[in-house]
Amino acid sequence: MSYRQYENFYKNKRILITGHTGFIGSWLTKWLTMLDAEVCGYALGPPTQPNLYEVLSLTRKVSKDIRGDIRNTKLLRKTIID
């Protein structure tokens, strides 16, 4: 199965990924940016050093990189609204 079959669906869609600096979130961010989605990431800093988020240079690929705890409802709500 090729990821290209999803290309038209995700192209220019605005997507919020919570946990984008973790292992699974980094792969999801990479995949969605390859499909030309506009990705906003919301997470704590990368959990390890080295980490996949930095190895894949995802900071340059996400439209917004917000560092915050998912339990911070005020920041999370503002992020969703923005």
PDB file of N, CA and C in Angstrom:
ATOM      1  N   MET A   1       0.846  -1.170   0.000  1.00  0.00           N
ATOM      2  CA  MET A   1       0.000   0.000   0.000  1.00  0.00           C
ATOM      3  C   MET A   1       0.894   1.236   0.000  1.00  0.00           C
ATOM      4  N   SER A   2       0.650   2.171  -0.886  1.00  0.00           N
ATOM      5  CA  SER A   2       1.441   3.380  -1.010  1.00  0.00           C
ATOM      6  C   SER A   2       0.780   4.529  -0.251  1.00  0.00           C
ATOM      7  N   TYR A   3       1.609   5.376   0.363  1.00  0.00           N
ATOM      8  CA  TYR A   3       1.052   6.527   1.059  1.00  0.00           C
ATOM      9  C   TYR A   3       0.451   7.526   0.073  1.00  0.00           C
ATOM     10  N   ARG A   4       0.815   7.427  -1.197  1.00  0.00           N
ATOM     11  CA  ARG A   4       0.316   8.352  -2.216  1.00  0.00           C
ATOM     12  C   ARG A   4      -1.200   8.267  -2.410  1.00  0.00           C
ATOM     13  N   GLN A   5      -1.810   7.160  -2.024  1.00  0.00           N
ATOM     14  CA  GLN A   5      -3.261   7.051  -2.165  1.00  0.00           C
ATOM     15  C   GLN A   5      -3.987   8.022  -1.241  1.00  0.00           C
ATOM     16  N   TYR A   6      -3.290   8.544  -0.226  1.00  0.00           N
ATOM     17  CA  TYR A   6      -3.887   9.501   0.712  1.00  0.00           C
ATOM     18  C   TYR A   6      -3.537  10.942   0.367  1.00  0.00           C
ATOM     19  N   GLU A   7      -2.713  11.118  -0.646  1.00  0.00           N
ATOM     20  CA  GLU A   7      -2.168  12.436  -0.954  1.00  0.00           C
ATOM     21  C   GLU A   7      -3.231  13.513  -1.142  1.00  0.00           C
ATOM     22  N   ASN A   8      -4.226  13.255  -1.932  1.00  0.00           N
ATOM     23  CA  ASN A   8      -5.257  14.265  -2.181  1.00  0.00           C
ATOM     24  C   ASN A   8      -6.115  14.531  -0.957  1.00  0.00           C
ATOM     25  N   PHE A   9      -6.310  13.523  -0.130  1.00  0.00           N
ATOM     26  CA  PHE A   9      -7.152  13.716   1.048  1.00  0.00           C
ATOM     27  C   PHE A   9      -6.515  14.668   2.057  1.00  0.00           C
ATOM     28  N   TYR A  10      -5.227  14.514   2.335  1.00  0.00           N
ATOM     29  CA  TYR A  10      -4.558  15.309   3.366  1.00  0.00           C
ATOM     30  C   TYR A  10      -3.943  16.613   2.862  1.00  0.00           C
ATOM     31  N   LYS A  11      -3.839  16.793   1.570  1.00  0.00           N
ATOM     32  CA  LYS A  11      -3.210  17.987   1.009  1.00  0.00           C
ATOM     33  C   LYS A  11      -3.917  19.252   1.504  1.00  0.00           C
ATOM     34  N   ASN A  12      -3.126  20.139   2.110  1.00  0.00           N
ATOM     35  CA  ASN A  12      -3.590  21.435   2.630  1.00  0.00           C
ATOM     36  C   ASN A  12      -4.583  21.344   3.785  1.00  0.00           C
ATOM     37  N   LYS A  13      -4.769  20.171   4.363  1.00  0.00           N
ATOM     38  CA  LYS A  13      -5.634  20.048   5.544  1.00  0.00           C
ATOM     39  C   LYS A  13      -4.847  20.513   6.771  1.00  0.00           C
ATOM     40  N   ARG A  14      -5.530  21.161   7.692  1.00  0.00           N
ATOM     41  CA  ARG A  14      -4.917  21.603   8.943  1.00  0.00           C
ATOM     42  C   ARG A  14      -5.127  20.513   9.990  1.00  0.00           C
ATOM     43  N   ILE A  15      -4.023  20.007  10.529  1.00  0.00           N
ATOM     44  CA  ILE A  15      -4.081  18.879  11.457  1.00  0.00           C
ATOM     45  C   ILE A  15      -3.297  19.205  12.715  1.00  0.00           C
ATOM     46  N   LEU A  16      -3.900  18.922  13.862  1.00  0.00           N
ATOM     47  CA  LEU A  16      -3.248  19.082  15.157  1.00  0.00           C
ATOM     48  C   LEU A  16      -2.821  17.703  15.648  1.00  0.00           C
ATOM     49  N   ILE A  17      -1.538  17.568  15.941  1.00  0.00           N
ATOM     50  CA  ILE A  17      -1.023  16.310  16.474  1.00  0.00           C
ATOM     51  C   ILE A  17      -0.546  16.571  17.899  1.00  0.00           C
ATOM     52  N   THR A  18      -1.140  15.866  18.846  1.00  0.00           N
ATOM     53  CA  THR A  18      -0.644  15.949  20.215  1.00  0.00           C
ATOM     54  C   THR A  18       0.405  14.851  20.378  1.00  0.00           C
ATOM     55  N   GLY A  19       1.509  15.214  21.002  1.00  0.00           N
ATOM     56  CA  GLY A  19       2.587  14.252  21.170  1.00  0.00           C
ATOM     57  C   GLY A  19       3.470  14.133  19.939  1.00  0.00           C
ATOM     58  N   HIS A  20       3.571  15.186  19.168  1.00  0.00           N
ATOM     59  CA  HIS A  20       4.326  15.141  17.907  1.00  0.00           C
ATOM     60  C   HIS A  20       5.836  14.977  18.100  1.00  0.00           C
ATOM     61  N   THR A  21       6.358  15.191  19.295  1.00  0.00           N
ATOM     62  CA  THR A  21       7.800  15.039  19.532  1.00  0.00           C
ATOM     63  C   THR A  21       8.184  13.638  19.978  1.00  0.00           C
ATOM     64  N   GLY A  22       7.204  12.797  20.257  1.00  0.00           N
ATOM     65  CA  GLY A  22       7.477  11.412  20.643  1.00  0.00           C
ATOM     66  C   GLY A  22       7.736  10.541  19.417  1.00  0.00           C
ATOM     67  N   PHE A  23       8.002   9.281  19.651  1.00  0.00           N
ATOM     68  CA  PHE A  23       8.349   8.368  18.563  1.00  0.00           C
ATOM     69  C   PHE A  23       7.214   8.211  17.552  1.00  0.00           C
ATOM     70  N   ILE A  24       6.043   7.857  18.023  1.00  0.00           N
ATOM     71  CA  ILE A  24       4.904   7.646  17.107  1.00  0.00           C
ATOM     72  C   ILE A  24       4.441   8.978  16.516  1.00  0.00           C
ATOM     73  N   GLY A  25       4.385  10.010  17.349  1.00  0.00           N
ATOM     74  CA  GLY A  25       3.980  11.325  16.856  1.00  0.00           C
ATOM     75  C   GLY A  25       4.918  11.876  15.799  1.00  0.00           C
ATOM     76  N   SER A  26       6.222  11.589  15.938  1.00  0.00           N
ATOM     77  CA  SER A  26       7.191  12.029  14.939  1.00  0.00           C
ATOM     78  C   SER A  26       6.951  11.349  13.597  1.00  0.00           C
ATOM     79  N   TRP A  27       6.688  10.048  13.623  1.00  0.00           N
ATOM     80  CA  TRP A  27       6.406   9.340  12.375  1.00  0.00           C
ATOM     81  C   TRP A  27       5.123   9.847  11.744  1.00  0.00           C
ATOM     82  N   LEU A  28       4.102  10.101  12.550  1.00  0.00           N
ATOM     83  CA  LEU A  28       2.843  10.618  12.015  1.00  0.00           C
ATOM     84  C   LEU A  28       3.054  12.007  11.414  1.00  0.00           C
ATOM     85  N   THR A  29       3.826  12.840  12.101  1.00  0.00           N
ATOM     86  CA  THR A  29       4.137  14.177  11.592  1.00  0.00           C
ATOM     87  C   THR A  29       4.876  14.089  10.264  1.00  0.00           C
ATOM     88  N   LYS A  30       5.860  13.220  10.190  1.00  0.00           N
ATOM     89  CA  LYS A  30       6.623  13.032   8.954  1.00  0.00           C
ATOM     90  C   LYS A  30       5.707  12.612   7.811  1.00  0.00           C
ATOM     91  N   TRP A  31       4.866  11.627   8.060  1.00  0.00           N
ATOM     92  CA  TRP A  31       3.964  11.106   7.040  1.00  0.00           C
ATOM     93  C   TRP A  31       2.997  12.180   6.546  1.00  0.00           C
ATOM     94  N   LEU A  32       2.384  12.913   7.471  1.00  0.00           N
ATOM     95  CA  LEU A  32       1.406  13.928   7.081  1.00  0.00           C
ATOM     96  C   LEU A  32       2.051  15.111   6.366  1.00  0.00           C
ATOM     97  N   THR A  33       3.264  15.491   6.770  1.00  0.00           N
ATOM     98  CA  THR A  33       3.940  16.578   6.048  1.00  0.00           C
ATOM     99  C   THR A  33       4.355  16.126   4.648  1.00  0.00           C
ATOM    100  N   MET A  34       4.669  14.852   4.484  1.00  0.00           N
ATOM    101  CA  MET A  34       4.969  14.328   3.148  1.00  0.00           C
ATOM    102  C   MET A  34       3.734  14.397   2.247  1.00  0.00           C
ATOM    103  N   LEU A  35       2.560  14.342   2.858  1.00  0.00           N
ATOM    104  CA  LEU A  35       1.304  14.419   2.119  1.00  0.00           C
ATOM    105  C   LEU A  35       0.814  15.866   1.983  1.00  0.00           C
ATOM    106  N   ASP A  36       1.680  16.817   2.328  1.00  0.00           N
ATOM    107  CA  ASP A  36       1.391  18.254   2.213  1.00  0.00           C
ATOM    108  C   ASP A  36       0.279  18.740   3.134  1.00  0.00           C
ATOM    109  N   ALA A  37       0.123  18.093   4.275  1.00  0.00           N
ATOM    110  CA  ALA A  37      -0.809  18.589   5.276  1.00  0.00           C
ATOM    111  C   ALA A  37      -0.137  19.719   6.056  1.00  0.00           C
ATOM    112  N   GLU A  38      -0.929  20.630   6.580  1.00  0.00           N
ATOM    113  CA  GLU A  38      -0.428  21.707   7.428  1.00  0.00           C
ATOM    114  C   GLU A  38      -0.524  21.201   8.870  1.00  0.00           C
ATOM    115  N   VAL A  39       0.614  20.835   9.444  1.00  0.00           N
ATOM    116  CA  VAL A  39       0.642  20.185  10.750  1.00  0.00           C
ATOM    117  C   VAL A  39       1.029  21.173  11.848  1.00  0.00           C
ATOM    118  N   CYS A  40       0.203  21.199  12.886  1.00  0.00           N
ATOM    119  CA  CYS A  40       0.503  21.926  14.107  1.00  0.00           C
ATOM    120  C   CYS A  40       0.775  20.874  15.176  1.00  0.00           C
ATOM    121  N   GLY A  41       1.927  20.970  15.823  1.00  0.00           N
ATOM    122  CA  GLY A  41       2.276  20.006  16.853  1.00  0.00           C
ATOM    123  C   GLY A  41       2.157  20.592  18.241  1.00  0.00           C
ATOM    124  N   TYR A  42       1.656  19.792  19.164  1.00  0.00           N
ATOM    125  CA  TYR A  42       1.480  20.214  20.552  1.00  0.00           C
ATOM    126  C   TYR A  42       2.021  19.099  21.436  1.00  0.00           C
ATOM    127  N   ALA A  43       3.088  19.380  22.173  1.00  0.00           N
ATOM    128  CA  ALA A  43       3.687  18.329  23.005  1.00  0.00           C
ATOM    129  C   ALA A  43       4.711  18.919  23.959  1.00  0.00           C
ATOM    130  N   LEU A  44       5.171  18.088  24.862  1.00  0.00           N
ATOM    131  CA  LEU A  44       6.327  18.414  25.668  1.00  0.00           C
ATOM    132  C   LEU A  44       7.554  18.293  24.774  1.00  0.00           C
ATOM    133  N   GLY A  45       8.706  18.657  25.275  1.00  0.00           N
ATOM    134  CA  GLY A  45       9.928  18.509  24.494  1.00  0.00           C
ATOM    135  C   GLY A  45      10.209  17.054  24.197  1.00  0.00           C
ATOM    136  N   PRO A  46      11.095  16.790  23.245  1.00  0.00           N
ATOM    137  CA  PRO A  46      11.442  15.401  22.913  1.00  0.00           C
ATOM    138  C   PRO A  46      11.912  14.645  24.155  1.00  0.00           C
ATOM    139  N   PRO A  47      11.455  13.398  24.307  1.00  0.00           N
ATOM    140  CA  PRO A  47      11.713  12.658  25.541  1.00  0.00           C
ATOM    141  C   PRO A  47      13.123  12.073  25.667  1.00  0.00           C
ATOM    142  N   THR A  48      13.861  11.981  24.584  1.00  0.00           N
ATOM    143  CA  THR A  48      15.194  11.367  24.636  1.00  0.00           C
ATOM    144  C   THR A  48      16.179  12.204  23.827  1.00  0.00           C
ATOM    145  N   GLN A  49      17.442  11.883  23.999  1.00  0.00           N
ATOM    146  CA  GLN A  49      18.500  12.516  23.217  1.00  0.00           C
ATOM    147  C   GLN A  49      19.451  11.436  22.750  1.00  0.00           C
ATOM    148  N   PRO A  50      19.592  11.148  21.514  1.00  0.00           N
ATOM    149  CA  PRO A  50      18.931  11.771  20.369  1.00  0.00           C
ATOM    150  C   PRO A  50      17.463  11.367  20.300  1.00  0.00           C
ATOM    151  N   ASN A  51      16.724  12.042  19.434  1.00  0.00           N
ATOM    152  CA  ASN A  51      15.304  11.724  19.288  1.00  0.00           C
ATOM    153  C   ASN A  51      14.906  11.827  17.823  1.00  0.00           C
ATOM    154  N   LEU A  52      13.877  11.102  17.469  1.00  0.00           N
ATOM    155  CA  LEU A  52      13.425  11.023  16.087  1.00  0.00           C
ATOM    156  C   LEU A  52      12.935  12.371  15.568  1.00  0.00           C
ATOM    157  N   TYR A  53      12.309  13.154  16.411  1.00  0.00           N
ATOM    158  CA  TYR A  53      11.785  14.460  16.004  1.00  0.00           C
ATOM    159  C   TYR A  53      12.893  15.337  15.427  1.00  0.00           C
ATOM    160  N   GLU A  54      14.026  15.374  16.108  1.00  0.00           N
ATOM    161  CA  GLU A  54      15.144  16.191  15.625  1.00  0.00           C
ATOM    162  C   GLU A  54      15.897  15.509  14.483  1.00  0.00           C
ATOM    163  N   VAL A  55      16.020  14.196  14.529  1.00  0.00           N
ATOM    164  CA  VAL A  55      16.707  13.469  13.454  1.00  0.00           C
ATOM    165  C   VAL A  55      15.992  13.687  12.116  1.00  0.00           C
ATOM    166  N   LEU A  56      14.662  13.715  12.134  1.00  0.00           N
ATOM    167  CA  LEU A  56      13.882  13.920  10.908  1.00  0.00           C
ATOM    168  C   LEU A  56      13.729  15.402  10.545  1.00  0.00           C
ATOM    169  N   SER A  57      14.313  16.302  11.345  1.00  0.00           N
ATOM    170  CA  SER A  57      14.239  17.754  11.118  1.00  0.00           C
ATOM    171  C   SER A  57      12.802  18.243  10.990  1.00  0.00           C
ATOM    172  N   LEU A  58      11.944  17.783  11.874  1.00  0.00           N
ATOM    173  CA  LEU A  58      10.523  18.113  11.771  1.00  0.00           C
ATOM    174  C   LEU A  58      10.191  19.532  12.206  1.00  0.00           C
ATOM    175  N   THR A  59      11.062  20.175  12.964  1.00  0.00           N
ATOM    176  CA  THR A  59      10.811  21.554  13.372  1.00  0.00           C
ATOM    177  C   THR A  59      10.620  22.447  12.149  1.00  0.00           C
ATOM    178  N   ARG A  60      11.361  22.168  11.098  1.00  0.00           N
ATOM    179  CA  ARG A  60      11.251  22.974   9.873  1.00  0.00           C
ATOM    180  C   ARG A  60      10.018  22.625   9.060  1.00  0.00           C
ATOM    181  N   LYS A  61       9.385  21.498   9.350  1.00  0.00           N
ATOM    182  CA  LYS A  61       8.277  21.029   8.518  1.00  0.00           C
ATOM    183  C   LYS A  61       6.895  21.290   9.102  1.00  0.00           C
ATOM    184  N   VAL A  62       6.813  21.502  10.410  1.00  0.00           N
ATOM    185  CA  VAL A  62       5.507  21.779  11.012  1.00  0.00           C
ATOM    186  C   VAL A  62       5.204  23.268  10.905  1.00  0.00           C
ATOM    187  N   SER A  63       3.931  23.608  10.779  1.00  0.00           N
ATOM    188  CA  SER A  63       3.563  25.017  10.680  1.00  0.00           C
ATOM    189  C   SER A  63       3.666  25.701  12.040  1.00  0.00           C
ATOM    190  N   LYS A  64       3.378  24.954  13.102  1.00  0.00           N
ATOM    191  CA  LYS A  64       3.514  25.458  14.470  1.00  0.00           C
ATOM    192  C   LYS A  64       4.043  24.337  15.348  1.00  0.00           C
ATOM    193  N   ASP A  65       4.959  24.699  16.241  1.00  0.00           N
ATOM    194  CA  ASP A  65       5.539  23.743  17.184  1.00  0.00           C
ATOM    195  C   ASP A  65       5.300  24.290  18.584  1.00  0.00           C
ATOM    196  N   ILE A  66       4.226  23.851  19.196  1.00  0.00           N
ATOM    197  CA  ILE A  66       3.834  24.368  20.509  1.00  0.00           C
ATOM    198  C   ILE A  66       4.242  23.384  21.584  1.00  0.00           C
ATOM    199  N   ARG A  67       4.978  23.880  22.563  1.00  0.00           N
ATOM    200  CA  ARG A  67       5.421  23.039  23.675  1.00  0.00           C
ATOM    201  C   ARG A  67       4.510  23.299  24.869  1.00  0.00           C
ATOM    202  N   GLY A  68       3.801  22.260  25.253  1.00  0.00           N
ATOM    203  CA  GLY A  68       2.883  22.381  26.370  1.00  0.00           C
ATOM    204  C   GLY A  68       2.391  21.017  26.804  1.00  0.00           C
ATOM    205  N   ASP A  69       1.880  20.983  28.010  1.00  0.00           N
ATOM    206  CA  ASP A  69       1.324  19.761  28.586  1.00  0.00           C
ATOM    207  C   ASP A  69      -0.136  19.646  28.183  1.00  0.00           C
ATOM    208  N   ILE A  70      -0.544  18.473  27.794  1.00  0.00           N
ATOM    209  CA  ILE A  70      -1.921  18.228  27.366  1.00  0.00           C
ATOM    210  C   ILE A  70      -2.911  18.528  28.496  1.00  0.00           C
ATOM    211  N   ARG A  71      -2.430  18.504  29.731  1.00  0.00           N
ATOM    212  CA  ARG A  71      -3.293  18.813  30.877  1.00  0.00           C
ATOM    213  C   ARG A  71      -3.497  20.308  31.074  1.00  0.00           C
ATOM    214  N   ASN A  72      -2.762  21.127  30.337  1.00  0.00           N
ATOM    215  CA  ASN A  72      -2.924  22.585  30.390  1.00  0.00           C
ATOM    216  C   ASN A  72      -4.076  22.950  29.454  1.00  0.00           C
ATOM    217  N   THR A  73      -5.284  22.887  29.978  1.00  0.00           N
ATOM    218  CA  THR A  73      -6.469  23.071  29.136  1.00  0.00           C
ATOM    219  C   THR A  73      -6.556  24.461  28.519  1.00  0.00           C
ATOM    220  N   LYS A  74      -6.051  25.462  29.213  1.00  0.00           N
ATOM    221  CA  LYS A  74      -6.101  26.821  28.675  1.00  0.00           C
ATOM    222  C   LYS A  74      -5.249  26.927  27.407  1.00  0.00           C
ATOM    223  N   LEU A  75      -4.016  26.436  27.453  1.00  0.00           N
ATOM    224  CA  LEU A  75      -3.139  26.471  26.280  1.00  0.00           C
ATOM    225  C   LEU A  75      -3.653  25.547  25.176  1.00  0.00           C
ATOM    226  N   LEU A  76      -4.126  24.385  25.549  1.00  0.00           N
ATOM    227  CA  LEU A  76      -4.656  23.442  24.559  1.00  0.00           C
ATOM    228  C   LEU A  76      -5.866  24.044  23.844  1.00  0.00           C
ATOM    229  N   ARG A  77      -6.775  24.638  24.583  1.00  0.00           N
ATOM    230  CA  ARG A  77      -7.960  25.251  23.989  1.00  0.00           C
ATOM    231  C   ARG A  77      -7.565  26.389  23.027  1.00  0.00           C
ATOM    232  N   LYS A  78      -6.608  27.226  23.456  1.00  0.00           N
ATOM    233  CA  LYS A  78      -6.135  28.313  22.598  1.00  0.00           C
ATOM    234  C   LYS A  78      -5.516  27.758  21.318  1.00  0.00           C
ATOM    235  N   THR A  79      -4.754  26.687  21.440  1.00  0.00           N
ATOM    236  CA  THR A  79      -4.112  26.063  20.285  1.00  0.00           C
ATOM    237  C   THR A  79      -5.166  25.547  19.303  1.00  0.00           C
ATOM    238  N   ILE A  80      -6.188  24.914  19.805  1.00  0.00           N
ATOM    239  CA  ILE A  80      -7.250  24.375  18.945  1.00  0.00           C
ATOM    240  C   ILE A  80      -7.988  25.511  18.241  1.00  0.00           C
ATOM    241  N   ILE A  81      -8.288  26.580  18.962  1.00  0.00           N
ATOM    242  CA  ILE A  81      -9.004  27.707  18.380  1.00  0.00           C
ATOM    243  C   ILE A  81      -8.169  28.403  17.312  1.00  0.00           C
ATOM    244  N   ASP A  82      -6.885  28.575  17.593  1.00  0.00           N
ATOM    245  CA  ASP A  82      -5.988  29.219  16.620  1.00  0.00           C
ATOM    246  C   ASP A  82      -5.841  28.367  15.388  1.00  0.00           C
TER     247      ASP A  82
END
